């Protein structure tokens, strides 16, 4: 819901090529989950996220960020050679939980690198 976490990163560089993540009809029902990473704490109560057929196709993404803020849900991202440079931005809990189903199954992708760099482990 309204809970937000602030992630502060400096000079991260993530370069990923040809990642493809396709998820269909995932359902997550959580009750009072707690995830503790590097000085981050996320406590969610009774969230319910139902996502159907999200698809993220990326090729050679490059993310250079400092304190990025990403707010969104149910996005469809199809991109090649994007470059995102952000400063003083935030990632909300809702977006993070939305991305989690993808992160749990991916290997050596840009999203996994982002997750490990901010210290949140699934």
PDB file of N, CA and C in Angstrom:
ATOM      1  N   UNK A   1       0.815  -1.191   0.000  1.00  0.00           N
ATOM      2  CA  UNK A   1       0.000   0.000   0.000  1.00  0.00           C
ATOM      3  C   UNK A   1       0.851   1.242   0.000  1.00  0.00           C
ATOM      4  N   UNK A   2       0.715   2.049   1.041  1.00  0.00           N
ATOM      5  CA  UNK A   2       1.400   3.332   1.079  1.00  0.00           C
ATOM      6  C   UNK A   2       2.826   3.208   1.586  1.00  0.00           C
ATOM      7  N   UNK A   3       3.193   2.024   2.061  1.00  0.00           N
ATOM      8  CA  UNK A   3       4.534   1.870   2.614  1.00  0.00           C
ATOM      9  C   UNK A   3       5.571   2.006   1.500  1.00  0.00           C
ATOM     10  N   UNK A   4       6.574   2.814   1.767  1.00  0.00           N
ATOM     11  CA  UNK A   4       7.618   2.989   0.779  1.00  0.00           C
ATOM     12  C   UNK A   4       8.968   2.764   1.444  1.00  0.00           C
ATOM     13  N   UNK A   5       9.892   2.244   0.663  1.00  0.00           N
ATOM     14  CA  UNK A   5      11.248   2.117   1.171  1.00  0.00           C
ATOM     15  C   UNK A   5      12.136   2.981   0.310  1.00  0.00           C
ATOM     16  N   UNK A   6      13.182   3.455   0.916  1.00  0.00           N
ATOM     17  CA  UNK A   6      14.107   4.297   0.179  1.00  0.00           C
ATOM     18  C   UNK A   6      15.393   3.510  -0.030  1.00  0.00           C
ATOM     19  N   UNK A   7      15.796   3.437  -1.257  1.00  0.00           N
ATOM     20  CA  UNK A   7      17.020   2.711  -1.592  1.00  0.00           C
ATOM     21  C   UNK A   7      18.017   3.730  -2.126  1.00  0.00           C
ATOM     22  N   UNK A   8      19.157   3.761  -1.501  1.00  0.00           N
ATOM     23  CA  UNK A   8      20.166   4.726  -1.890  1.00  0.00           C
ATOM     24  C   UNK A   8      21.339   3.971  -2.483  1.00  0.00           C
ATOM     25  N   UNK A   9      21.623   4.266  -3.717  1.00  0.00           N
ATOM     26  CA  UNK A   9      22.736   3.604  -4.378  1.00  0.00           C
ATOM     27  C   UNK A   9      23.570   4.639  -5.080  1.00  0.00           C
ATOM     28  N   UNK A  10      24.843   4.405  -5.158  1.00  0.00           N
ATOM     29  CA  UNK A  10      25.724   5.351  -5.825  1.00  0.00           C
ATOM     30  C   UNK A  10      26.535   4.664  -6.893  1.00  0.00           C
ATOM     31  N   UNK A  11      26.467   5.194  -8.075  1.00  0.00           N
ATOM     32  CA  UNK A  11      27.324   4.769  -9.171  1.00  0.00           C
ATOM     33  C   UNK A  11      27.183   3.288  -9.495  1.00  0.00           C
ATOM     34  N   UNK A  12      25.953   2.745  -9.375  1.00  0.00           N
ATOM     35  CA  UNK A  12      25.785   1.371  -9.809  1.00  0.00           C
ATOM     36  C   UNK A  12      25.755   1.324 -11.328  1.00  0.00           C
ATOM     37  N   UNK A  13      26.257   0.266 -11.863  1.00  0.00           N
ATOM     38  CA  UNK A  13      26.201   0.082 -13.309  1.00  0.00           C
ATOM     39  C   UNK A  13      25.800  -1.345 -13.577  1.00  0.00           C
ATOM     40  N   UNK A  14      24.698  -1.491 -14.246  1.00  0.00           N
ATOM     41  CA  UNK A  14      24.211  -2.821 -14.560  1.00  0.00           C
ATOM     42  C   UNK A  14      24.023  -2.892 -16.059  1.00  0.00           C
ATOM     43  N   UNK A  15      24.671  -3.860 -16.668  1.00  0.00           N
ATOM     44  CA  UNK A  15      24.526  -4.041 -18.102  1.00  0.00           C
ATOM     45  C   UNK A  15      24.051  -5.469 -18.341  1.00  0.00           C
ATOM     46  N   UNK A  16      22.905  -5.607 -18.968  1.00  0.00           N
ATOM     47  CA  UNK A  16      22.377  -6.935 -19.247  1.00  0.00           C
ATOM     48  C   UNK A  16      22.049  -7.043 -20.712  1.00  0.00           C
ATOM     49  N   UNK A  17      22.207  -8.221 -21.266  1.00  0.00           N
ATOM     50  CA  UNK A  17      21.933  -8.414 -22.678  1.00  0.00           C
ATOM     51  C   UNK A  17      21.011  -9.594 -22.913  1.00  0.00           C
ATOM     52  N   UNK A  18      20.012  -9.350 -23.704  1.00  0.00           N
ATOM     53  CA  UNK A  18      19.135 -10.406 -24.202  1.00  0.00           C
ATOM     54  C   UNK A  18      18.389 -11.147 -23.106  1.00  0.00           C
ATOM     55  N   UNK A  19      17.990 -10.429 -22.058  1.00  0.00           N
ATOM     56  CA  UNK A  19      17.182 -11.091 -21.054  1.00  0.00           C
ATOM     57  C   UNK A  19      15.750 -11.209 -21.553  1.00  0.00           C
ATOM     58  N   UNK A  20      15.107 -12.270 -21.205  1.00  0.00           N
ATOM     59  CA  UNK A  20      13.694 -12.430 -21.556  1.00  0.00           C
ATOM     60  C   UNK A  20      12.997 -13.076 -20.376  1.00  0.00           C
ATOM     61  N   UNK A  21      12.000 -12.414 -19.869  1.00  0.00           N
ATOM     62  CA  UNK A  21      11.256 -12.939 -18.739  1.00  0.00           C
ATOM     63  C   UNK A  21       9.780 -12.919 -19.120  1.00  0.00           C
ATOM     64  N   UNK A  22       9.165 -14.078 -19.064  1.00  0.00           N
ATOM     65  CA  UNK A  22       7.749 -14.172 -19.378  1.00  0.00           C
ATOM     66  C   UNK A  22       7.051 -14.832 -18.197  1.00  0.00           C
ATOM     67  N   UNK A  23       6.089 -14.143 -17.634  1.00  0.00           N
ATOM     68  CA  UNK A  23       5.348 -14.707 -16.510  1.00  0.00           C
ATOM     69  C   UNK A  23       3.876 -14.731 -16.846  1.00  0.00           C
ATOM     70  N   UNK A  24       3.187 -15.760 -16.447  1.00  0.00           N
ATOM     71  CA  UNK A  24       1.767 -15.858 -16.743  1.00  0.00           C
ATOM     72  C   UNK A  24       0.957 -16.221 -15.510  1.00  0.00           C
ATOM     73  N   UNK A  25      -0.026 -15.375 -15.226  1.00  0.00           N
ATOM     74  CA  UNK A  25      -1.055 -15.700 -14.245  1.00  0.00           C
ATOM     75  C   UNK A  25      -0.484 -16.028 -12.867  1.00  0.00           C
ATOM     76  N   UNK A  26       0.504 -15.253 -12.431  1.00  0.00           N
ATOM     77  CA  UNK A  26       1.021 -15.478 -11.090  1.00  0.00           C
ATOM     78  C   UNK A  26       0.062 -14.886 -10.066  1.00  0.00           C
ATOM     79  N   UNK A  27      -0.009 -15.506  -8.924  1.00  0.00           N
ATOM     80  CA  UNK A  27      -0.823 -14.964  -7.834  1.00  0.00           C
ATOM     81  C   UNK A  27       0.000 -15.005  -6.562  1.00  0.00           C
ATOM     82  N   UNK A  28       0.051 -13.897  -5.880  1.00  0.00           N
ATOM     83  CA  UNK A  28       0.785 -13.834  -4.632  1.00  0.00           C
ATOM     84  C   UNK A  28      -0.171 -13.307  -3.569  1.00  0.00           C
ATOM     85  N   UNK A  29      -0.358 -14.086  -2.516  1.00  0.00           N
ATOM     86  CA  UNK A  29      -1.149 -13.635  -1.378  1.00  0.00           C
ATOM     87  C   UNK A  29      -0.236 -13.703  -0.168  1.00  0.00           C
ATOM     88  N   UNK A  30       0.063 -12.566   0.399  1.00  0.00           N
ATOM     89  CA  UNK A  30       1.023 -12.538   1.489  1.00  0.00           C
ATOM     90  C   UNK A  30       0.406 -11.983   2.748  1.00  0.00           C
ATOM     91  N   UNK A  31       0.864 -12.484   3.870  1.00  0.00           N
ATOM     92  CA  UNK A  31       0.375 -12.015   5.155  1.00  0.00           C
ATOM     93  C   UNK A  31       1.567 -11.774   6.063  1.00  0.00           C
ATOM     94  N   UNK A  32       1.836 -10.502   6.355  1.00  0.00           N
ATOM     95  CA  UNK A  32       2.872 -10.129   7.315  1.00  0.00           C
ATOM     96  C   UNK A  32       4.238 -10.698   6.954  1.00  0.00           C
ATOM     97  N   UNK A  33       4.604 -10.557   5.671  1.00  0.00           N
ATOM     98  CA  UNK A  33       5.927 -11.010   5.290  1.00  0.00           C
ATOM     99  C   UNK A  33       6.973 -10.006   5.773  1.00  0.00           C
ATOM    100  N   UNK A  34       8.157 -10.513   6.043  1.00  0.00           N
ATOM    101  CA  UNK A  34       9.238  -9.615   6.423  1.00  0.00           C
ATOM    102  C   UNK A  34      10.467  -9.986   5.618  1.00  0.00           C
ATOM    103  N   UNK A  35      11.054  -9.011   4.983  1.00  0.00           N
ATOM    104  CA  UNK A  35      12.290  -9.214   4.236  1.00  0.00           C
ATOM    105  C   UNK A  35      13.298  -8.216   4.775  1.00  0.00           C
ATOM    106  N   UNK A  36      14.428  -8.712   5.224  1.00  0.00           N
ATOM    107  CA  UNK A  36      15.445  -7.836   5.774  1.00  0.00           C
ATOM    108  C   UNK A  36      16.692  -7.985   4.921  1.00  0.00           C
ATOM    109  N   UNK A  37      17.125  -6.897   4.339  1.00  0.00           N
ATOM    110  CA  UNK A  37      18.324  -6.910   3.521  1.00  0.00           C
ATOM    111  C   UNK A  37      19.400  -6.081   4.178  1.00  0.00           C
ATOM    112  N   UNK A  38      20.148  -5.344   3.391  1.00  0.00           N
ATOM    113  CA  UNK A  38      21.186  -4.501   3.908  1.00  0.00           C
ATOM    114  C   UNK A  38      20.570  -3.201   4.407  1.00  0.00           C
ATOM    115  N   UNK A  39      20.329  -3.134   5.666  1.00  0.00           N
ATOM    116  CA  UNK A  39      19.730  -1.954   6.296  1.00  0.00           C
ATOM    117  C   UNK A  39      18.349  -1.627   5.750  1.00  0.00           C
ATOM    118  N   UNK A  40      17.725  -2.553   5.038  1.00  0.00           N
ATOM    119  CA  UNK A  40      16.384  -2.294   4.557  1.00  0.00           C
ATOM    120  C   UNK A  40      15.419  -3.210   5.273  1.00  0.00           C
ATOM    121  N   UNK A  41      14.251  -2.748   5.504  1.00  0.00           N
ATOM    122  CA  UNK A  41      13.250  -3.576   6.159  1.00  0.00           C
ATOM    123  C   UNK A  41      11.925  -3.360   5.462  1.00  0.00           C
ATOM    124  N   UNK A  42      11.320  -4.435   5.047  1.00  0.00           N
ATOM    125  CA  UNK A  42      10.029  -4.357   4.379  1.00  0.00           C
ATOM    126  C   UNK A  42       9.069  -5.218   5.172  1.00  0.00           C
ATOM    127  N   UNK A  43       8.015  -4.615   5.643  1.00  0.00           N
ATOM    128  CA  UNK A  43       6.993  -5.367   6.343  1.00  0.00           C
ATOM    129  C   UNK A  43       5.687  -5.142   5.610  1.00  0.00           C
ATOM    130  N   UNK A  44       5.124  -6.209   5.082  1.00  0.00           N
ATOM    131  CA  UNK A  44       3.875  -6.076   4.344  1.00  0.00           C
ATOM    132  C   UNK A  44       2.803  -6.906   5.014  1.00  0.00           C
ATOM    133  N   UNK A  45       1.629  -6.369   5.093  1.00  0.00           N
ATOM    134  CA  UNK A  45       0.537  -7.104   5.709  1.00  0.00           C
ATOM    135  C   UNK A  45      -0.632  -7.244   4.761  1.00  0.00           C
ATOM    136  N   UNK A  46      -0.999  -8.478   4.512  1.00  0.00           N
ATOM    137  CA  UNK A  46      -2.220  -8.780   3.777  1.00  0.00           C
ATOM    138  C   UNK A  46      -2.234  -8.180   2.377  1.00  0.00           C
ATOM    139  N   UNK A  47      -1.062  -8.115   1.737  1.00  0.00           N
ATOM    140  CA  UNK A  47      -1.087  -7.651   0.363  1.00  0.00           C
ATOM    141  C   UNK A  47      -1.552  -8.770  -0.552  1.00  0.00           C
ATOM    142  N   UNK A  48      -2.227  -8.416  -1.595  1.00  0.00           N
ATOM    143  CA  UNK A  48      -2.640  -9.407  -2.575  1.00  0.00           C
ATOM    144  C   UNK A  48      -2.315  -8.845  -3.949  1.00  0.00           C
ATOM    145  N   UNK A  49      -1.529  -9.576  -4.675  1.00  0.00           N
ATOM    146  CA  UNK A  49      -1.144  -9.128  -6.011  1.00  0.00           C
ATOM    147  C   UNK A  49      -1.488 -10.243  -6.980  1.00  0.00           C
ATOM    148  N   UNK A  50      -2.285  -9.922  -7.952  1.00  0.00           N
ATOM    149  CA  UNK A  50      -2.623 -10.908  -8.974  1.00  0.00           C
ATOM    150  C   UNK A  50      -2.175 -10.329 -10.298  1.00  0.00           C
ATOM    151  N   UNK A  51      -1.235 -10.985 -10.916  1.00  0.00           N
ATOM    152  CA  UNK A  51      -0.730 -10.497 -12.191  1.00  0.00           C
ATOM    153  C   UNK A  51      -0.944 -11.541 -13.260  1.00  0.00           C
ATOM    154  N   UNK A  52      -1.330 -11.126 -14.422  1.00  0.00           N
ATOM    155  CA  UNK A  52      -1.564 -12.067 -15.506  1.00  0.00           C
ATOM    156  C   UNK A  52      -0.774 -11.696 -16.741  1.00  0.00           C
ATOM    157  N   UNK A  53       0.041 -12.621 -17.179  1.00  0.00           N
ATOM    158  CA  UNK A  53       0.678 -12.518 -18.484  1.00  0.00           C
ATOM    159  C   UNK A  53       1.531 -11.255 -18.632  1.00  0.00           C
ATOM    160  N   UNK A  54       2.328 -10.941 -17.580  1.00  0.00           N
ATOM    161  CA  UNK A  54       3.269  -9.845 -17.761  1.00  0.00           C
ATOM    162  C   UNK A  54       4.410 -10.338 -18.632  1.00  0.00           C
ATOM    163  N   UNK A  55       4.948  -9.444 -19.398  1.00  0.00           N
ATOM    164  CA  UNK A  55       6.035  -9.835 -20.284  1.00  0.00           C
ATOM    165  C   UNK A  55       7.061  -8.713 -20.299  1.00  0.00           C
ATOM    166  N   UNK A  56       8.292  -9.071 -20.040  1.00  0.00           N
ATOM    167  CA  UNK A  56       9.372  -8.090 -20.109  1.00  0.00           C
ATOM    168  C   UNK A  56      10.417  -8.654 -21.054  1.00  0.00           C
ATOM    169  N   UNK A  57      10.678  -7.937 -22.113  1.00  0.00           N
ATOM    170  CA  UNK A  57      11.679  -8.372 -23.065  1.00  0.00           C
ATOM    171  C   UNK A  57      12.691  -7.249 -23.187  1.00  0.00           C
ATOM    172  N   UNK A  58      13.933  -7.540 -22.856  1.00  0.00           N
ATOM    173  CA  UNK A  58      14.936  -6.496 -22.906  1.00  0.00           C
ATOM    174  C   UNK A  58      16.175  -6.977 -23.624  1.00  0.00           C
ATOM    175  N   UNK A  59      16.854  -6.050 -24.249  1.00  0.00           N
ATOM    176  CA  UNK A  59      18.105  -6.368 -24.928  1.00  0.00           C
ATOM    177  C   UNK A  59      19.078  -5.241 -24.629  1.00  0.00           C
ATOM    178  N   UNK A  60      20.186  -5.590 -23.978  1.00  0.00           N
ATOM    179  CA  UNK A  60      21.262  -4.625 -23.746  1.00  0.00           C
ATOM    180  C   UNK A  60      20.802  -3.394 -22.971  1.00  0.00           C
ATOM    181  N   UNK A  61      20.050  -3.634 -21.884  1.00  0.00           N
ATOM    182  CA  UNK A  61      19.662  -2.500 -21.073  1.00  0.00           C
ATOM    183  C   UNK A  61      20.861  -2.000 -20.285  1.00  0.00           C
ATOM    184  N   UNK A  62      20.863  -0.729 -20.036  1.00  0.00           N
ATOM    185  CA  UNK A  62      21.905  -0.147 -19.208  1.00  0.00           C
ATOM    186  C   UNK A  62      21.234   0.763 -18.210  1.00  0.00           C
ATOM    187  N   UNK A  63      21.508   0.501 -16.955  1.00  0.00           N
ATOM    188  CA  UNK A  63      20.921   1.330 -15.903  1.00  0.00           C
ATOM    189  C   UNK A  63      22.064   1.906 -15.084  1.00  0.00           C
ATOM    190  N   UNK A  64      22.146   3.208 -15.064  1.00  0.00           N
ATOM    191  CA  UNK A  64      23.120   3.889 -14.222  1.00  0.00           C
ATOM    192  C   UNK A  64      22.320   4.756 -13.282  1.00  0.00           C
ATOM    193  N   UNK A  65      22.354   4.442 -11.989  1.00  0.00           N
ATOM    194  CA  UNK A  65      21.428   5.146 -11.131  1.00  0.00           C
ATOM    195  C   UNK A  65      22.015   5.543  -9.812  1.00  0.00           C
ATOM    196  N   UNK A  66      21.426   6.575  -9.269  1.00  0.00           N
ATOM    197  CA  UNK A  66      21.723   7.031  -7.927  1.00  0.00           C
ATOM    198  C   UNK A  66      20.395   7.386  -7.297  1.00  0.00           C
ATOM    199  N   UNK A  67      19.991   6.618  -6.287  1.00  0.00           N
ATOM    200  CA  UNK A  67      18.732   6.903  -5.596  1.00  0.00           C
ATOM    201  C   UNK A  67      17.537   6.930  -6.554  1.00  0.00           C
ATOM    202  N   UNK A  68      17.381   5.850  -7.314  1.00  0.00           N
ATOM    203  CA  UNK A  68      16.284   5.843  -8.274  1.00  0.00           C
ATOM    204  C   UNK A  68      14.946   5.681  -7.589  1.00  0.00           C
ATOM    205  N   UNK A  69      13.936   6.201  -8.207  1.00  0.00           N
ATOM    206  CA  UNK A  69      12.573   6.011  -7.726  1.00  0.00           C
ATOM    207  C   UNK A  69      11.746   5.451  -8.875  1.00  0.00           C
ATOM    208  N   UNK A  70      11.167   4.300  -8.649  1.00  0.00           N
ATOM    209  CA  UNK A  70      10.312   3.688  -9.662  1.00  0.00           C
ATOM    210  C   UNK A  70       8.980   3.397  -9.003  1.00  0.00           C
ATOM    211  N   UNK A  71       7.926   3.958  -9.554  1.00  0.00           N
ATOM    212  CA  UNK A  71       6.599   3.710  -9.022  1.00  0.00           C
ATOM    213  C   UNK A  71       5.754   3.172 -10.157  1.00  0.00           C
ATOM    214  N   UNK A  72       5.224   1.958  -9.998  1.00  0.00           N
ATOM    215  CA  UNK A  72       4.403   1.456 -11.078  1.00  0.00           C
ATOM    216  C   UNK A  72       3.881   0.080 -10.781  1.00  0.00           C
ATOM    217  N   UNK A  73       2.881  -0.297 -11.532  1.00  0.00           N
ATOM    218  CA  UNK A  73       2.338  -1.636 -11.409  1.00  0.00           C
ATOM    219  C   UNK A  73       1.765  -2.085 -12.732  1.00  0.00           C
ATOM    220  N   UNK A  74       1.902  -3.388 -13.001  1.00  0.00           N
ATOM    221  CA  UNK A  74       1.327  -3.987 -14.192  1.00  0.00           C
ATOM    222  C   UNK A  74       1.853  -3.352 -15.471  1.00  0.00           C
ATOM    223  N   UNK A  75       3.167  -3.035 -15.464  1.00  0.00           N
ATOM    224  CA  UNK A  75       3.709  -2.443 -16.655  1.00  0.00           C
ATOM    225  C   UNK A  75       4.054  -3.533 -17.671  1.00  0.00           C
ATOM    226  N   UNK A  76       4.100  -3.144 -18.894  1.00  0.00           N
ATOM    227  CA  UNK A  76       4.649  -3.982 -19.941  1.00  0.00           C
ATOM    228  C   UNK A  76       5.832  -3.223 -20.502  1.00  0.00           C
ATOM    229  N   UNK A  77       6.997  -3.853 -20.460  1.00  0.00           N
ATOM    230  CA  UNK A  77       8.201  -3.183 -20.922  1.00  0.00           C
ATOM    231  C   UNK A  77       8.815  -4.049 -22.015  1.00  0.00           C
ATOM    232  N   UNK A  78       8.915  -3.488 -23.188  1.00  0.00           N
ATOM    233  CA  UNK A  78       9.609  -4.175 -24.268  1.00  0.00           C
ATOM    234  C   UNK A  78      10.619  -3.176 -24.797  1.00  0.00           C
ATOM    235  N   UNK A  79      11.893  -3.486 -24.610  1.00  0.00           N
ATOM    236  CA  UNK A  79      12.844  -2.471 -24.996  1.00  0.00           C
ATOM    237  C   UNK A  79      14.152  -3.062 -25.457  1.00  0.00           C
ATOM    238  N   UNK A  80      14.889  -2.252 -26.180  1.00  0.00           N
ATOM    239  CA  UNK A  80      16.220  -2.628 -26.625  1.00  0.00           C
ATOM    240  C   UNK A  80      17.088  -1.386 -26.520  1.00  0.00           C
ATOM    241  N   UNK A  81      18.258  -1.546 -25.893  1.00  0.00           N
ATOM    242  CA  UNK A  81      19.227  -0.461 -25.800  1.00  0.00           C
ATOM    243  C   UNK A  81      18.685   0.762 -25.073  1.00  0.00           C
ATOM    244  N   UNK A  82      17.882   0.503 -23.984  1.00  0.00           N
ATOM    245  CA  UNK A  82      17.444   1.651 -23.220  1.00  0.00           C
ATOM    246  C   UNK A  82      18.575   2.103 -22.299  1.00  0.00           C
ATOM    247  N   UNK A  83      18.553   3.352 -21.991  1.00  0.00           N
ATOM    248  CA  UNK A  83      19.470   3.888 -20.986  1.00  0.00           C
ATOM    249  C   UNK A  83      18.654   4.713 -20.018  1.00  0.00           C
ATOM    250  N   UNK A  84      18.759   4.355 -18.758  1.00  0.00           N
ATOM    251  CA  UNK A  84      17.990   5.067 -17.745  1.00  0.00           C
ATOM    252  C   UNK A  84      18.991   5.653 -16.755  1.00  0.00           C
ATOM    253  N   UNK A  85      18.943   6.943 -16.594  1.00  0.00           N
ATOM    254  CA  UNK A  85      19.795   7.602 -15.617  1.00  0.00           C
ATOM    255  C   UNK A  85      18.888   8.348 -14.658  1.00  0.00           C
ATOM    256  N   UNK A  86      18.944   7.983 -13.379  1.00  0.00           N
ATOM    257  CA  UNK A  86      18.040   8.613 -12.427  1.00  0.00           C
ATOM    258  C   UNK A  86      18.787   9.064 -11.193  1.00  0.00           C
ATOM    259  N   UNK A  87      18.204  10.031 -10.515  1.00  0.00           N
ATOM    260  CA  UNK A  87      18.778  10.511  -9.277  1.00  0.00           C
ATOM    261  C   UNK A  87      17.644  10.882  -8.335  1.00  0.00           C
ATOM    262  N   UNK A  88      17.833  10.556  -7.057  1.00  0.00           N
ATOM    263  CA  UNK A  88      16.851  10.903  -6.032  1.00  0.00           C
ATOM    264  C   UNK A  88      15.472  10.335  -6.353  1.00  0.00           C
ATOM    265  N   UNK A  89      15.438   9.037  -6.621  1.00  0.00           N
ATOM    266  CA  UNK A  89      14.192   8.388  -6.931  1.00  0.00           C
ATOM    267  C   UNK A  89      13.961   7.280  -5.939  1.00  0.00           C
ATOM    268  N   UNK A  90      12.756   6.754  -5.908  1.00  0.00           N
ATOM    269  CA  UNK A  90      12.373   5.777  -4.897  1.00  0.00           C
ATOM    270  C   UNK A  90      11.706   4.584  -5.545  1.00  0.00           C
ATOM    271  N   UNK A  91      11.809   3.436  -4.912  1.00  0.00           N
ATOM    272  CA  UNK A  91      11.081   2.250  -5.341  1.00  0.00           C
ATOM    273  C   UNK A  91      10.034   1.945  -4.279  1.00  0.00           C
ATOM    274  N   UNK A  92       8.779   1.828  -4.712  1.00  0.00           N
ATOM    275  CA  UNK A  92       7.721   1.565  -3.750  1.00  0.00           C
ATOM    276  C   UNK A  92       7.598   0.073  -3.503  1.00  0.00           C
ATOM    277  N   UNK A  93       6.990  -0.256  -2.384  1.00  0.00           N
ATOM    278  CA  UNK A  93       6.800  -1.654  -2.020  1.00  0.00           C
ATOM    279  C   UNK A  93       5.966  -2.377  -3.058  1.00  0.00           C
ATOM    280  N   UNK A  94       4.949  -1.695  -3.590  1.00  0.00           N
ATOM    281  CA  UNK A  94       4.071  -2.372  -4.530  1.00  0.00           C
ATOM    282  C   UNK A  94       4.831  -2.783  -5.785  1.00  0.00           C
ATOM    283  N   UNK A  95       5.727  -1.930  -6.256  1.00  0.00           N
ATOM    284  CA  UNK A  95       6.498  -2.282  -7.437  1.00  0.00           C
ATOM    285  C   UNK A  95       7.450  -3.418  -7.135  1.00  0.00           C
ATOM    286  N   UNK A  96       8.070  -3.373  -5.957  1.00  0.00           N
ATOM    287  CA  UNK A  96       9.039  -4.400  -5.608  1.00  0.00           C
ATOM    288  C   UNK A  96       8.380  -5.765  -5.522  1.00  0.00           C
ATOM    289  N   UNK A  97       7.219  -5.813  -4.895  1.00  0.00           N
ATOM    290  CA  UNK A  97       6.529  -7.093  -4.777  1.00  0.00           C
ATOM    291  C   UNK A  97       6.053  -7.567  -6.144  1.00  0.00           C
ATOM    292  N   UNK A  98       5.705  -6.614  -7.010  1.00  0.00           N
ATOM    293  CA  UNK A  98       5.263  -6.992  -8.354  1.00  0.00           C
ATOM    294  C   UNK A  98       6.396  -7.648  -9.130  1.00  0.00           C
ATOM    295  N   UNK A  99       7.611  -7.162  -8.921  1.00  0.00           N
ATOM    296  CA  UNK A  99       8.746  -7.686  -9.670  1.00  0.00           C
ATOM    297  C   UNK A  99       9.251  -9.003  -9.086  1.00  0.00           C
ATOM    298  N   UNK A 100       8.937  -9.272  -7.810  1.00  0.00           N
ATOM    299  CA  UNK A 100       9.484 -10.445  -7.141  1.00  0.00           C
ATOM    300  C   UNK A 100       9.246 -11.774  -7.857  1.00  0.00           C
ATOM    301  N   UNK A 101       8.049 -12.011  -8.430  1.00  0.00           N
ATOM    302  CA  UNK A 101       7.864 -13.311  -9.099  1.00  0.00           C
ATOM    303  C   UNK A 101       8.880 -13.546 -10.204  1.00  0.00           C
ATOM    304  N   UNK A 102       9.269 -12.478 -10.884  1.00  0.00           N
ATOM    305  CA  UNK A 102      10.256 -12.633 -11.943  1.00  0.00           C
ATOM    306  C   UNK A 102      11.638 -12.914 -11.355  1.00  0.00           C
ATOM    307  N   UNK A 103      11.955 -12.199 -10.288  1.00  0.00           N
ATOM    308  CA  UNK A 103      13.292 -12.309  -9.727  1.00  0.00           C
ATOM    309  C   UNK A 103      13.545 -13.705  -9.156  1.00  0.00           C
ATOM    310  N   UNK A 104      12.502 -14.341  -8.644  1.00  0.00           N
ATOM    311  CA  UNK A 104      12.706 -15.621  -7.979  1.00  0.00           C
ATOM    312  C   UNK A 104      13.192 -16.688  -8.952  1.00  0.00           C
ATOM    313  N   UNK A 105      12.904 -16.527 -10.234  1.00  0.00           N
ATOM    314  CA  UNK A 105      13.277 -17.577 -11.171  1.00  0.00           C
ATOM    315  C   UNK A 105      14.342 -17.191 -12.168  1.00  0.00           C
ATOM    316  N   UNK A 106      14.844 -15.965 -12.109  1.00  0.00           N
ATOM    317  CA  UNK A 106      15.756 -15.554 -13.168  1.00  0.00           C
ATOM    318  C   UNK A 106      17.200 -15.876 -12.806  1.00  0.00           C
ATOM    319  N   UNK A 107      18.021 -15.933 -13.801  1.00  0.00           N
ATOM    320  CA  UNK A 107      19.438 -16.228 -13.604  1.00  0.00           C
ATOM    321  C   UNK A 107      20.287 -15.224 -14.400  1.00  0.00           C
ATOM    322  N   UNK A 108      21.138 -14.521 -13.685  1.00  0.00           N
ATOM    323  CA  UNK A 108      22.109 -13.626 -14.320  1.00  0.00           C
ATOM    324  C   UNK A 108      21.444 -12.616 -15.239  1.00  0.00           C
ATOM    325  N   UNK A 109      20.396 -12.031 -14.787  1.00  0.00           N
ATOM    326  CA  UNK A 109      19.757 -10.983 -15.575  1.00  0.00           C
ATOM    327  C   UNK A 109      19.974  -9.648 -14.901  1.00  0.00           C
ATOM    328  N   UNK A 110      19.624  -8.607 -15.634  1.00  0.00           N
ATOM    329  CA  UNK A 110      19.777  -7.265 -15.080  1.00  0.00           C
ATOM    330  C   UNK A 110      18.933  -7.094 -13.829  1.00  0.00           C
ATOM    331  N   UNK A 111      17.735  -7.697 -13.826  1.00  0.00           N
ATOM    332  CA  UNK A 111      16.872  -7.550 -12.660  1.00  0.00           C
ATOM    333  C   UNK A 111      17.491  -8.208 -11.439  1.00  0.00           C
ATOM    334  N   UNK A 112      18.105  -9.386 -11.639  1.00  0.00           N
ATOM    335  CA  UNK A 112      18.765 -10.040 -10.511  1.00  0.00           C
ATOM    336  C   UNK A 112      19.909  -9.180  -9.989  1.00  0.00           C
ATOM    337  N   UNK A 113      20.655  -8.572 -10.900  1.00  0.00           N
ATOM    338  CA  UNK A 113      21.765  -7.722 -10.479  1.00  0.00           C
ATOM    339  C   UNK A 113      21.260  -6.529  -9.683  1.00  0.00           C
ATOM    340  N   UNK A 114      20.147  -5.983 -10.119  1.00  0.00           N
ATOM    341  CA  UNK A 114      19.578  -4.858  -9.385  1.00  0.00           C
ATOM    342  C   UNK A 114      19.200  -5.306  -7.978  1.00  0.00           C
ATOM    343  N   UNK A 115      18.593  -6.494  -7.896  1.00  0.00           N
ATOM    344  CA  UNK A 115      18.156  -6.974  -6.589  1.00  0.00           C
ATOM    345  C   UNK A 115      19.338  -7.186  -5.661  1.00  0.00           C
ATOM    346  N   UNK A 116      20.382  -7.827  -6.160  1.00  0.00           N
ATOM    347  CA  UNK A 116      21.515  -8.099  -5.292  1.00  0.00           C
ATOM    348  C   UNK A 116      22.233  -6.809  -4.908  1.00  0.00           C
ATOM    349  N   UNK A 117      22.230  -5.825  -5.804  1.00  0.00           N
ATOM    350  CA  UNK A 117      22.954  -4.590  -5.504  1.00  0.00           C
ATOM    351  C   UNK A 117      22.263  -3.792  -4.405  1.00  0.00           C
ATOM    352  N   UNK A 118      20.939  -3.933  -4.285  1.00  0.00           N
ATOM    353  CA  UNK A 118      20.257  -3.188  -3.232  1.00  0.00           C
ATOM    354  C   UNK A 118      20.087  -4.035  -1.986  1.00  0.00           C
ATOM    355  N   UNK A 119      20.563  -5.284  -2.031  1.00  0.00           N
ATOM    356  CA  UNK A 119      20.624  -6.070  -0.815  1.00  0.00           C
ATOM    357  C   UNK A 119      19.317  -6.695  -0.409  1.00  0.00           C
ATOM    358  N   UNK A 120      18.452  -7.006  -1.340  1.00  0.00           N
ATOM    359  CA  UNK A 120      17.211  -7.687  -0.997  1.00  0.00           C
ATOM    360  C   UNK A 120      17.256  -9.079  -1.608  1.00  0.00           C
ATOM    361  N   UNK A 121      17.058 -10.081  -0.770  1.00  0.00           N
ATOM    362  CA  UNK A 121      17.209 -11.448  -1.228  1.00  0.00           C
ATOM    363  C   UNK A 121      15.890 -12.180  -1.098  1.00  0.00           C
ATOM    364  N   UNK A 122      15.588 -12.998  -2.101  1.00  0.00           N
ATOM    365  CA  UNK A 122      14.319 -13.717  -2.121  1.00  0.00           C
ATOM    366  C   UNK A 122      14.588 -15.196  -1.841  1.00  0.00           C
TER     367      UNK A 122
END
